Amino acid sequence: MRRLEFVGSWLDRRVQLKDFIRATALHRVPRSSASWWYVFGSAALTVFILQVVTGILLALIYVPSAAEAWNSLQTLNHAVVLGWFVRAMHGWGSNFMIALVLVHMVQVFLFGGYKYPREFTWVVGVFLLLMTLGMAFTGQVLRFDQDAYWGVGIGASIMGRVPFIGDWLVHLLLGGPIIAGATLSRFFDLHVFVIPGILIGLVALHLLMVLKLGINEWPMPGRLVRRDTYLKQYEELLQKDGEPFVPGAIWKDLIFAGCVLAAVALCAVIFGPFGPSGQPDPTIIQTVPRPDFFFLWLYALLSLLPPQLETSFLLIAPLVGIAALLLLPFISGEGEKSWRRRPIAVLTVLLLAVALGTFTRLASYAPWSPNMNAWSGAPVPVRYLQGRTPLERQGALVFQAKQCRNCHALGGVGGERGPALDSVAVRMTQDQLIRQVLQGGGNMPAYGNNLSPAQVTALVAFLATLHPVGQAPARDATLTGE
């Protein structure tokens, strides 16, 4: 004990943390707040620490490379001792963390904890929720399986709809015009460095504000919040009916956090890690990429929305929702806290819960394939079919069915991952077109195993007609003697 006291004193003289730790542990909280309803925030912090620890362990093996990411996860699952368990703890910890942050925010909303003087504590909490969702999404991408590949593709399609800066956002997201190694490196940086760094800063700020402003008292019906009297009333409450956080309230937090960690471990043992599923293959376009659980409602909503409403919903609804959450404490910063006297707040929570639950359930059978209606849903323009032979028109059908315009523009409509095809016949001979389709090259995957010989013949016949009027298609000079 003397040695421990000597080491403790030696450290404290140099880092000066003893007084801060003591003040933090002994800060007074309302006795009514030492309740099981107030344990979700500390449990979310505990799971975040779990995510950091397991994430560091996974980063020792994981290779953020398009060629090796999938294989490194297989190594973790099958070759590294308890590698599958660490992956499972990390994956299930992500789900638990989102759930805990959501429940904590609902509890704060219903108990009026966002009201004066804790408006900015709520605002920081909103950004913590957004960063937590960002961690979950970027983590799914790092699996770099078929779901992750097409999930990023759909995300890029959504961002491409933003007016004026859509193309720039797509390049920023993907690290270039296509989904490739740069994309995975970018998401790895976001998941491992950028978002966790922001989260750590926000968590520190959130805890500091909780310490400075105090924990929200139990909302008593009829006890109204007034800016000119609340702080005095809160201080009187602490003096009359307060207790130190340690040991008065912390034991409930410790018990609940321990139960949450045990639940994460149990899910990891029973259900195992998430994926990876099949290796990412851009030539398999008839796929049904499903996001992780907490994004299923969005998947179902987008799959069931009429195409004409997709863009407006995607660009407007998220901004409106985030703005409403951020403005809430400034619009309703005074008045009644108790949920018993706020039926609109209770009804709002119930409606959101029913809506999210319903759409999550619908996601189990909602039809959606990554056809990226932003461009590939439109048929081949008529002018490219007029005067064509039956074989060339059959090639146009293959062109449309295989969704070549996900990557290539035609008639000014289509993707930008590959070059526009309006004059491809001027740049490439028929033999070169056949070789490009079968073997791929550059950013284009090989379609030799995905097209029959008849489909290749028809497709190349159609592509050979794509040249400006009055300009002859490319020819092989070695065959003409030129």
Protein backbone atom coordinates (compact mmCIF):
# COMPACT_ATOMS: atom_id res chain seq x y z
CA MET A 1 0.00 0.00 0.00
CA ARG A 2 2.85 2.39 0.80
CA ARG A 3 4.40 1.70 -2.59
CA LEU A 4 1.08 2.38 -4.31
CA GLU A 5 0.68 5.60 -2.36
CA PHE A 6 4.22 6.62 -3.30
CA VAL A 7 3.56 5.92 -7.01
CA GLY A 8 0.24 7.75 -6.84
CA SER A 9 1.78 10.78 -5.18
CA TRP A 10 4.70 10.78 -7.65
CA LEU A 11 2.27 10.78 -10.60
CA ASP A 12 -0.06 13.37 -9.12
CA ARG A 13 2.75 15.85 -8.56
CA ARG A 14 3.47 15.68 -12.27
CA VAL A 15 0.02 15.38 -13.92
CA GLN A 16 -2.14 17.11 -11.26
CA LEU A 17 -5.22 14.93 -11.83
CA LYS A 18 -6.06 13.99 -8.23
CA ASP A 19 -8.24 17.01 -7.53
CA PHE A 20 -10.01 16.74 -10.89
CA ILE A 21 -10.77 13.03 -10.42
CA ARG A 22 -12.01 13.61 -6.89
CA ALA A 23 -14.23 16.52 -7.94
CA THR A 24 -15.63 14.43 -10.82
CA ALA A 25 -16.35 11.41 -8.64
CA LEU A 26 -17.90 13.42 -5.83
CA HIS A 27 -19.96 15.88 -7.87
CA ARG A 28 -23.46 15.98 -6.51
CA VAL A 29 -26.46 14.73 -8.48
CA PRO A 30 -30.14 14.83 -7.60
CA ARG A 31 -31.06 11.73 -5.64
CA SER A 32 -33.98 11.19 -8.05
CA SER A 33 -31.50 10.99 -10.93
CA ALA A 34 -29.70 8.02 -9.37
CA SER A 35 -32.21 5.87 -11.22
CA TRP A 36 -32.17 3.00 -13.68
CA TRP A 37 -33.60 5.46 -16.24
CA TYR A 38 -30.30 7.37 -16.23
CA VAL A 39 -27.87 4.55 -17.05
CA PHE A 40 -28.01 4.54 -20.87
CA GLY A 41 -25.46 7.29 -21.44
CA SER A 42 -22.76 5.63 -19.35
CA ALA A 43 -23.51 2.27 -20.99
CA ALA A 44 -23.08 3.86 -24.44
CA LEU A 45 -19.71 5.24 -23.32
CA THR A 46 -18.69 1.77 -22.10
CA VAL A 47 -19.57 0.19 -25.46
CA PHE A 48 -17.66 2.95 -27.27
CA ILE A 49 -14.57 2.03 -25.26
CA LEU A 50 -15.19 -1.60 -26.26
CA GLN A 51 -15.33 -0.51 -29.90
CA VAL A 52 -12.01 1.29 -29.61
CA VAL A 53 -10.29 -1.71 -28.01
CA THR A 54 -11.67 -4.31 -30.43
CA GLY A 55 -11.08 -1.96 -33.37
CA ILE A 56 -7.39 -1.67 -32.48
CA LEU A 57 -7.11 -5.46 -32.32
CA LEU A 58 -8.80 -5.86 -35.71
CA ALA A 59 -6.59 -3.21 -37.29
CA LEU A 60 -3.54 -5.36 -36.49
CA ILE A 61 -4.76 -7.95 -39.03
CA TYR A 62 -7.11 -6.11 -41.38
CA VAL A 63 -5.62 -4.95 -44.69
CA PRO A 64 -7.43 -1.90 -46.16
CA SER A 65 -6.82 -3.01 -49.73
CA ALA A 66 -9.38 -3.89 -52.37
CA ALA A 67 -7.39 -7.01 -53.16
CA GLU A 68 -6.83 -8.16 -49.56
CA ALA A 69 -9.67 -6.80 -47.39
CA TRP A 70 -12.00 -9.74 -47.99
CA ASN A 71 -9.19 -12.26 -47.47
CA SER A 72 -8.02 -10.59 -44.26
CA LEU A 73 -11.52 -10.94 -42.80
CA GLN A 74 -11.53 -14.62 -43.74
CA THR A 75 -8.19 -14.91 -41.94
CA LEU A 76 -9.67 -13.30 -38.84
CA ASN A 77 -12.69 -15.60 -38.99
CA HIS A 78 -10.84 -18.87 -39.49
CA ALA A 79 -7.08 -18.59 -38.89
CA VAL A 80 -6.53 -16.18 -35.98
CA VAL A 81 -7.25 -17.47 -32.48
CA LEU A 82 -10.49 -15.82 -31.30
CA GLY A 83 -10.35 -13.54 -34.32
CA TRP A 84 -13.99 -14.37 -35.09
CA PHE A 85 -14.93 -13.44 -31.52
CA VAL A 86 -13.21 -10.06 -31.67
CA ARG A 87 -14.94 -9.35 -34.99
CA ALA A 88 -18.27 -10.41 -33.54
CA MET A 89 -17.79 -8.26 -30.43
CA HIS A 90 -16.96 -5.29 -32.65
CA GLY A 91 -19.95 -5.85 -34.95
CA TRP A 92 -22.49 -6.45 -32.20
CA GLY A 93 -20.98 -3.66 -30.15
CA SER A 94 -21.79 -1.31 -33.03
CA ASN A 95 -25.45 -2.34 -32.96
CA PHE A 96 -25.65 -2.03 -29.18
CA MET A 97 -24.00 1.38 -29.25
CA ILE A 98 -26.53 2.74 -31.76
CA ALA A 99 -29.39 1.29 -29.71
CA LEU A 100 -28.08 2.77 -26.47
CA VAL A 101 -27.52 6.22 -27.98
CA LEU A 102 -31.04 6.17 -29.46
CA VAL A 103 -32.63 5.08 -26.18
CA HIS A 104 -30.60 7.68 -24.28
CA MET A 105 -31.78 10.44 -26.62
CA VAL A 106 -35.41 9.30 -26.35
CA GLN A 107 -35.11 9.28 -22.55
CA VAL A 108 -33.60 12.79 -22.56
CA PHE A 109 -36.35 13.98 -24.93
CA LEU A 110 -39.21 12.55 -22.85
CA PHE A 111 -37.68 13.79 -19.58
CA GLY A 112 -37.13 17.31 -20.97
CA GLY A 113 -33.37 17.09 -20.47
CA TYR A 114 -32.78 19.25 -23.55
CA LYS A 115 -34.35 22.33 -21.96
CA TYR A 116 -32.51 25.28 -20.40
CA PRO A 117 -29.63 25.33 -19.55
CA ARG A 118 -28.72 22.10 -21.35
CA GLU A 119 -29.51 23.10 -24.93
CA PHE A 120 -25.97 22.60 -26.20
CA THR A 121 -25.66 19.31 -24.33
CA TRP A 122 -28.54 18.10 -26.53
CA VAL A 123 -26.94 19.53 -29.68
CA VAL A 124 -23.70 17.68 -28.94
CA GLY A 125 -25.78 14.53 -28.38
CA VAL A 126 -27.34 14.91 -31.84
CA PHE A 127 -23.90 15.05 -33.42
CA LEU A 128 -22.84 12.04 -31.34
CA LEU A 129 -25.76 10.09 -32.82
CA LEU A 130 -24.81 11.13 -36.37
CA MET A 131 -21.17 10.15 -35.80
CA THR A 132 -22.28 6.80 -34.33
CA LEU A 133 -24.34 6.10 -37.45
CA GLY A 134 -21.37 7.15 -39.56
CA MET A 135 -19.17 4.66 -37.71
CA ALA A 136 -21.68 1.89 -38.37
CA PHE A 137 -21.96 2.66 -42.10
CA THR A 138 -18.22 2.97 -42.71
CA GLY A 139 -17.66 -0.23 -40.74
CA GLN A 140 -20.01 -2.15 -43.03
CA VAL A 141 -18.12 -0.85 -46.07
CA LEU A 142 -14.84 -2.18 -44.66
CA ARG A 143 -16.19 -5.72 -45.00
CA PHE A 144 -15.90 -5.03 -48.75
CA ASP A 145 -18.18 -7.90 -49.69
CA GLN A 146 -20.99 -7.86 -52.23
CA ASP A 147 -23.34 -5.97 -49.92
CA ALA A 148 -20.69 -3.39 -49.09
CA TYR A 149 -19.73 -2.89 -52.76
CA TRP A 150 -23.25 -2.22 -53.94
CA GLY A 151 -24.09 -0.28 -50.79
CA VAL A 152 -21.33 2.17 -51.64
CA GLY A 153 -22.54 2.23 -55.24
CA ILE A 154 -26.03 3.17 -54.13
CA GLY A 155 -24.61 5.77 -51.75
CA ALA A 156 -22.61 7.26 -54.62
CA SER A 157 -25.75 7.30 -56.77
CA ILE A 158 -27.59 9.18 -54.02
CA MET A 159 -24.82 11.73 -53.57
CA GLY A 160 -24.61 12.21 -57.31
CA ARG A 161 -28.13 13.69 -57.24
CA VAL A 162 -27.09 16.69 -55.14
CA PRO A 163 -27.38 19.78 -57.38
CA PHE A 164 -24.18 21.50 -58.52
CA ILE A 165 -21.77 19.57 -56.27
CA GLY A 166 -23.01 16.00 -56.81
CA ASP A 167 -20.09 14.93 -58.99
CA TRP A 168 -17.59 16.44 -56.56
CA LEU A 169 -19.23 14.61 -53.64
CA VAL A 170 -19.08 11.30 -55.51
CA HIS A 171 -15.36 11.73 -56.16
CA LEU A 172 -14.86 12.72 -52.52
CA LEU A 173 -16.72 9.62 -51.32
CA LEU A 174 -15.10 7.14 -53.71
CA GLY A 175 -11.64 8.69 -53.94
CA GLY A 176 -12.04 8.75 -57.71
CA PRO A 177 -14.60 7.99 -60.41
CA ILE A 178 -15.03 4.30 -59.51
CA ILE A 179 -15.27 1.99 -56.49
CA ALA A 180 -11.72 0.71 -56.05
CA GLY A 181 -8.84 0.51 -53.63
CA ALA A 182 -8.91 4.27 -53.05
CA THR A 183 -12.53 3.95 -51.92
CA LEU A 184 -11.66 1.37 -49.29
CA SER A 185 -8.68 3.39 -48.05
CA ARG A 186 -10.90 6.44 -47.72
CA PHE A 187 -13.51 4.59 -45.68
CA PHE A 188 -10.79 3.00 -43.56
CA ASP A 189 -9.43 6.45 -42.70
CA LEU A 190 -12.93 7.65 -41.85
CA HIS A 191 -13.73 4.61 -39.70
CA VAL A 192 -10.42 4.35 -37.86
CA PHE A 193 -9.19 7.94 -37.56
CA VAL A 194 -11.60 10.72 -38.54
CA ILE A 195 -14.93 9.66 -37.02
CA PRO A 196 -13.46 8.14 -33.82
CA GLY A 197 -11.42 11.31 -33.32
CA ILE A 198 -14.55 13.44 -33.66
CA LEU A 199 -16.43 11.07 -31.36
CA ILE A 200 -13.76 11.28 -28.66
CA GLY A 201 -13.85 15.08 -28.81
CA LEU A 202 -17.66 15.18 -28.68
CA VAL A 203 -17.80 12.66 -25.81
CA ALA A 204 -15.30 14.73 -23.81
CA LEU A 205 -17.31 17.89 -24.48
CA HIS A 206 -20.56 16.13 -23.61
CA LEU A 207 -19.18 14.84 -20.29
CA LEU A 208 -17.74 18.25 -19.43
CA MET A 209 -21.11 19.90 -20.01
CA VAL A 210 -22.85 17.25 -17.90
CA LEU A 211 -20.38 17.93 -15.06
CA LYS A 212 -20.73 21.70 -15.34
CA LEU A 213 -24.51 21.87 -15.80
CA GLY A 214 -25.45 18.84 -13.73
CA ILE A 215 -27.60 15.80 -14.46
CA ASN A 216 -31.22 16.50 -15.31
CA GLU A 217 -33.47 16.02 -12.29
CA TRP A 218 -36.47 13.68 -12.33
CA PRO A 219 -39.22 15.54 -14.23
CA MET A 220 -42.02 16.27 -11.76
CA PRO A 221 -45.40 17.25 -13.26
CA GLY A 222 -46.06 20.91 -12.71
CA ARG A 223 -42.39 21.85 -12.09
CA LEU A 224 -41.81 24.29 -14.93
CA VAL A 225 -38.46 25.43 -16.33
CA ARG A 226 -37.92 29.19 -16.32
CA ARG A 227 -34.63 30.72 -17.40
CA ASP A 228 -34.61 33.27 -14.59
CA THR A 229 -35.23 30.79 -11.76
CA TYR A 230 -34.11 27.31 -12.86
CA LEU A 231 -30.42 27.48 -11.87
CA LYS A 232 -31.25 28.68 -8.37
CA GLN A 233 -33.90 25.97 -7.96
CA TYR A 234 -31.47 23.30 -9.18
CA GLU A 235 -28.80 24.36 -6.68
CA GLU A 236 -31.35 24.25 -3.89
CA LEU A 237 -32.39 20.76 -4.99
CA LEU A 238 -28.76 19.55 -4.89
CA GLN A 239 -28.29 20.95 -1.39
CA LYS A 240 -31.57 19.56 -0.10
CA ASP A 241 -31.80 16.20 -1.88
CA GLY A 242 -28.49 15.55 -3.63
CA GLU A 243 -25.78 12.92 -3.20
CA PRO A 244 -22.25 12.30 -4.55
CA PHE A 245 -22.13 10.44 -7.85
CA VAL A 246 -19.67 8.02 -6.22
CA PRO A 247 -20.85 5.87 -4.57
CA GLY A 248 -24.48 6.99 -4.57
CA ALA A 249 -25.31 6.65 -8.28
CA ILE A 250 -22.40 4.92 -9.96
CA TRP A 251 -23.29 1.39 -8.88
CA LYS A 252 -26.37 1.32 -11.11
CA ASP A 253 -24.27 2.49 -14.06
CA LEU A 254 -21.67 -0.20 -13.40
CA ILE A 255 -24.24 -2.99 -13.10
CA PHE A 256 -26.08 -1.97 -16.28
CA ALA A 257 -22.85 -1.48 -18.27
CA GLY A 258 -21.69 -4.93 -17.14
CA CYS A 259 -24.99 -6.46 -18.27
CA VAL A 260 -24.66 -4.73 -21.66
CA LEU A 261 -21.11 -6.06 -22.15
CA ALA A 262 -22.32 -9.54 -21.21
CA ALA A 263 -25.17 -9.23 -23.75
CA VAL A 264 -22.70 -8.17 -26.47
CA ALA A 265 -20.48 -11.14 -25.68
CA LEU A 266 -23.48 -13.50 -25.67
CA CYS A 267 -24.62 -12.28 -29.09
CA ALA A 268 -21.05 -12.61 -30.37
CA VAL A 269 -20.85 -16.24 -29.21
CA ILE A 270 -24.32 -17.26 -30.43
CA PHE A 271 -24.59 -15.34 -33.71
CA GLY A 272 -20.93 -14.79 -34.62
CA PRO A 273 -19.47 -11.96 -36.73
CA PHE A 274 -21.20 -10.12 -39.56
CA GLY A 275 -20.05 -11.46 -42.93
CA PRO A 276 -18.26 -11.13 -45.08
CA SER A 277 -20.61 -12.46 -47.75
CA GLY A 278 -19.51 -13.06 -51.35
CA GLN A 279 -16.52 -11.25 -52.75
CA PRO A 280 -17.36 -7.89 -54.39
CA ASP A 281 -18.08 -8.40 -58.07
CA PRO A 282 -19.27 -5.42 -60.15
CA THR A 283 -20.40 -7.76 -62.93
CA ILE A 284 -23.12 -9.28 -60.71
CA ILE A 285 -25.71 -6.53 -61.05
CA GLN A 286 -28.82 -8.48 -60.08
CA THR A 287 -28.08 -8.44 -56.39
CA VAL A 288 -29.98 -7.35 -53.30
CA PRO A 289 -27.56 -5.49 -51.03
CA ARG A 290 -28.97 -5.23 -47.52
CA PRO A 291 -27.46 -2.87 -44.96
CA ASP A 292 -27.01 -3.66 -41.29
CA PHE A 293 -30.02 -3.70 -38.98
CA PHE A 294 -30.24 -0.01 -38.06
CA PHE A 295 -30.26 1.06 -41.71
CA LEU A 296 -32.89 -1.43 -42.88
CA TRP A 297 -35.72 1.07 -42.45
CA LEU A 298 -34.00 3.43 -44.89
CA TYR A 299 -33.44 0.56 -47.33
CA ALA A 300 -37.15 -0.31 -47.27
CA LEU A 301 -38.25 3.30 -47.54
CA LEU A 302 -36.11 3.95 -50.61
CA SER A 303 -37.14 0.69 -52.25
CA LEU A 304 -40.84 1.47 -51.85
CA LEU A 305 -40.76 5.16 -52.74
CA PRO A 306 -41.95 6.05 -56.26
CA PRO A 307 -38.91 6.88 -58.40
CA GLN A 308 -40.10 10.45 -58.95
CA LEU A 309 -39.99 11.11 -55.19
CA GLU A 310 -36.60 9.57 -54.48
CA THR A 311 -34.39 12.56 -55.20
CA SER A 312 -36.50 15.12 -53.37
CA PHE A 313 -36.85 12.84 -50.34
CA LEU A 314 -33.15 12.01 -50.19
CA LEU A 315 -32.08 15.64 -50.44
CA ILE A 316 -34.71 17.26 -48.22
CA ALA A 317 -35.89 14.81 -45.54
CA PRO A 318 -32.48 14.28 -43.80
CA LEU A 319 -31.82 18.02 -43.63
CA VAL A 320 -35.28 18.70 -42.22
CA GLY A 321 -34.92 15.94 -39.62
CA ILE A 322 -31.47 17.05 -38.43
CA ALA A 323 -32.53 20.71 -38.35
CA ALA A 324 -35.59 19.81 -36.24
CA LEU A 325 -33.41 17.97 -33.71
CA LEU A 326 -30.91 20.82 -33.49
CA LEU A 327 -33.54 23.56 -33.15
CA LEU A 328 -35.71 21.68 -30.65
CA PRO A 329 -34.06 22.98 -27.43
CA PHE A 330 -34.10 26.57 -28.67
CA ILE A 331 -37.75 26.43 -29.71
CA SER A 332 -38.94 24.54 -26.63
CA GLY A 333 -36.35 25.44 -24.03
CA GLU A 334 -38.76 26.33 -21.23
CA GLY A 335 -41.92 24.95 -19.70
CA GLU A 336 -43.04 21.49 -18.65
CA LYS A 337 -40.52 18.64 -18.49
CA SER A 338 -42.65 15.71 -17.42
CA TRP A 339 -43.73 13.39 -20.21
CA ARG A 340 -47.06 13.02 -18.42
CA ARG A 341 -47.87 16.62 -19.31
CA ARG A 342 -46.43 16.49 -22.85
CA PRO A 343 -48.69 14.22 -24.92
CA ILE A 344 -47.33 15.54 -28.25
CA ALA A 345 -43.81 14.46 -27.29
CA VAL A 346 -45.02 10.98 -26.30
CA LEU A 347 -47.09 10.65 -29.48
CA THR A 348 -44.09 11.73 -31.59
CA VAL A 349 -41.89 9.04 -30.05
CA LEU A 350 -44.57 6.38 -30.52
CA LEU A 351 -45.20 7.32 -34.16
CA LEU A 352 -41.48 7.28 -34.96
CA ALA A 353 -41.05 3.92 -33.23
CA VAL A 354 -43.97 2.39 -35.14
CA ALA A 355 -42.76 3.84 -38.45
CA LEU A 356 -39.18 2.64 -37.99
CA GLY A 357 -40.34 -0.79 -36.84
CA THR A 358 -42.72 -1.12 -39.77
CA PHE A 359 -40.15 -0.17 -42.39
CA THR A 360 -37.55 -2.42 -40.75
CA ARG A 361 -40.01 -5.30 -41.04
CA LEU A 362 -40.78 -4.42 -44.67
CA ALA A 363 -37.06 -4.51 -45.46
CA SER A 364 -37.15 -8.31 -45.14
CA TYR A 365 -38.96 -8.54 -48.47
CA ALA A 366 -38.80 -5.07 -50.02
CA PRO A 367 -37.68 -5.48 -53.66
CA TRP A 368 -34.61 -3.50 -54.64
CA SER A 369 -31.67 -4.15 -56.89
CA PRO A 370 -28.93 -1.57 -57.45
CA ASN A 371 -30.23 -0.42 -60.84
CA MET A 372 -29.43 3.18 -59.83
CA ASN A 373 -32.52 4.76 -61.33
CA ALA A 374 -30.69 8.08 -61.43
CA TRP A 375 -29.59 7.03 -64.90
CA SER A 376 -29.89 3.35 -65.82
CA GLY A 377 -33.68 3.16 -65.60
CA ALA A 378 -34.16 5.07 -68.85
CA PRO A 379 -34.29 3.04 -72.10
CA VAL A 380 -31.75 3.42 -74.87
CA PRO A 381 -32.65 6.61 -76.79
CA VAL A 382 -34.66 5.98 -79.96
CA ARG A 383 -32.13 7.74 -82.20
CA TYR A 384 -29.62 4.97 -81.42
CA LEU A 385 -32.10 2.32 -82.66
CA GLN A 386 -33.34 3.87 -85.90
CA GLY A 387 -32.05 2.16 -89.01
CA ARG A 388 -30.34 -0.59 -87.02
CA THR A 389 -30.34 -4.25 -87.98
CA PRO A 390 -32.10 -6.85 -85.78
CA LEU A 391 -28.70 -7.97 -84.44
CA GLU A 392 -27.75 -4.40 -83.49
CA ARG A 393 -31.12 -3.85 -81.78
CA GLN A 394 -30.57 -7.08 -79.88
CA GLY A 395 -27.23 -5.64 -78.78
CA ALA A 396 -29.05 -2.54 -77.52
CA LEU A 397 -31.22 -4.82 -75.36
CA VAL A 398 -28.11 -6.47 -73.93
CA PHE A 399 -26.63 -3.02 -73.31
CA GLN A 400 -29.75 -2.04 -71.38
CA ALA A 401 -30.24 -5.33 -69.51
CA LYS A 402 -26.64 -5.37 -68.25
CA GLN A 403 -27.00 -1.72 -67.16
CA CYS A 404 -23.89 -0.55 -68.93
CA ARG A 405 -24.97 3.04 -68.26
CA ASN A 406 -24.25 2.59 -64.58
CA CYS A 407 -20.68 3.38 -65.62
CA HIS A 408 -20.93 4.81 -69.17
CA ALA A 409 -22.91 7.77 -70.46
CA LEU A 410 -24.89 7.53 -73.71
CA GLY A 411 -26.60 10.55 -75.14
CA GLY A 412 -25.45 12.62 -72.17
CA VAL A 413 -27.17 10.34 -69.64
CA GLY A 414 -25.30 7.82 -67.49
CA GLY A 415 -22.41 7.24 -65.13
CA GLU A 416 -18.95 8.73 -65.21
CA ARG A 417 -16.93 5.74 -64.02
CA GLY A 418 -16.07 4.91 -67.62
CA PRO A 419 -15.83 7.00 -70.81
CA ALA A 420 -18.93 8.10 -72.71
CA LEU A 421 -19.87 5.68 -75.50
CA ASP A 422 -21.40 8.08 -78.07
CA SER A 423 -18.27 7.79 -80.25
CA VAL A 424 -16.72 4.58 -78.97
CA ALA A 425 -16.72 3.09 -82.47
CA VAL A 426 -14.34 5.86 -83.57
CA ARG A 427 -11.87 5.02 -80.82
CA MET A 428 -11.96 1.21 -81.00
CA THR A 429 -12.25 -1.38 -83.74
CA GLN A 430 -14.67 -4.30 -83.46
CA ASP A 431 -11.86 -6.62 -82.39
CA GLN A 432 -10.84 -4.17 -79.69
CA LEU A 433 -14.44 -3.87 -78.53
CA ILE A 434 -14.74 -7.63 -78.27
CA ARG A 435 -11.52 -7.89 -76.30
CA GLN A 436 -12.57 -5.05 -73.97
CA VAL A 437 -15.95 -6.63 -73.25
CA LEU A 438 -14.54 -10.12 -72.67
CA GLN A 439 -11.32 -9.28 -70.83
CA GLY A 440 -12.00 -5.85 -69.35
CA GLY A 441 -9.15 -3.52 -68.68
CA GLY A 442 -8.50 -0.27 -66.88
CA ASN A 443 -11.48 0.37 -64.64
CA MET A 444 -13.77 -2.02 -66.50
CA PRO A 445 -14.36 -5.57 -65.21
CA ALA A 446 -14.24 -8.58 -67.53
CA TYR A 447 -17.67 -9.75 -68.71
CA GLY A 448 -16.45 -12.90 -70.44
CA ASN A 449 -18.11 -15.15 -67.86
CA ASN A 450 -21.31 -13.13 -67.70
CA LEU A 451 -22.25 -12.90 -71.38
CA SER A 452 -22.92 -15.66 -73.87
CA PRO A 453 -21.12 -15.55 -77.25
CA ALA A 454 -24.39 -14.48 -78.90
CA GLN A 455 -24.79 -11.62 -76.42
CA VAL A 456 -21.21 -10.47 -76.97
CA THR A 457 -21.70 -10.52 -80.75
CA ALA A 458 -24.93 -8.53 -80.51
CA LEU A 459 -23.51 -6.04 -77.99
CA VAL A 460 -20.39 -5.34 -80.06
CA ALA A 461 -22.53 -4.96 -83.18
CA PHE A 462 -24.53 -2.26 -81.40
CA LEU A 463 -21.42 -0.52 -80.01
CA ALA A 464 -19.91 -0.48 -83.51
CA THR A 465 -22.78 1.80 -84.61
CA LEU A 466 -21.93 4.45 -82.01
CA HIS A 467 -20.06 7.07 -84.01
CA PRO A 468 -20.92 10.60 -85.17
CA VAL A 469 -22.87 11.00 -88.38
CA GLY A 470 -20.53 11.40 -91.34
CA GLN A 471 -17.54 9.98 -89.47
CA ALA A 472 -16.42 6.46 -90.32
CA PRO A 473 -15.83 3.94 -87.52
CA ALA A 474 -12.31 2.85 -86.62
CA ARG A 475 -10.61 0.24 -88.79
CA ASP A 476 -7.59 -2.02 -88.41
CA ALA A 477 -4.93 -0.56 -90.67
CA THR A 478 -3.07 -3.90 -90.88
CA LEU A 479 -6.06 -5.44 -92.64
CA THR A 480 -6.47 -2.68 -95.20
CA GLY A 481 -2.86 -2.26 -96.19
CA GLU A 482 -2.82 1.39 -95.13
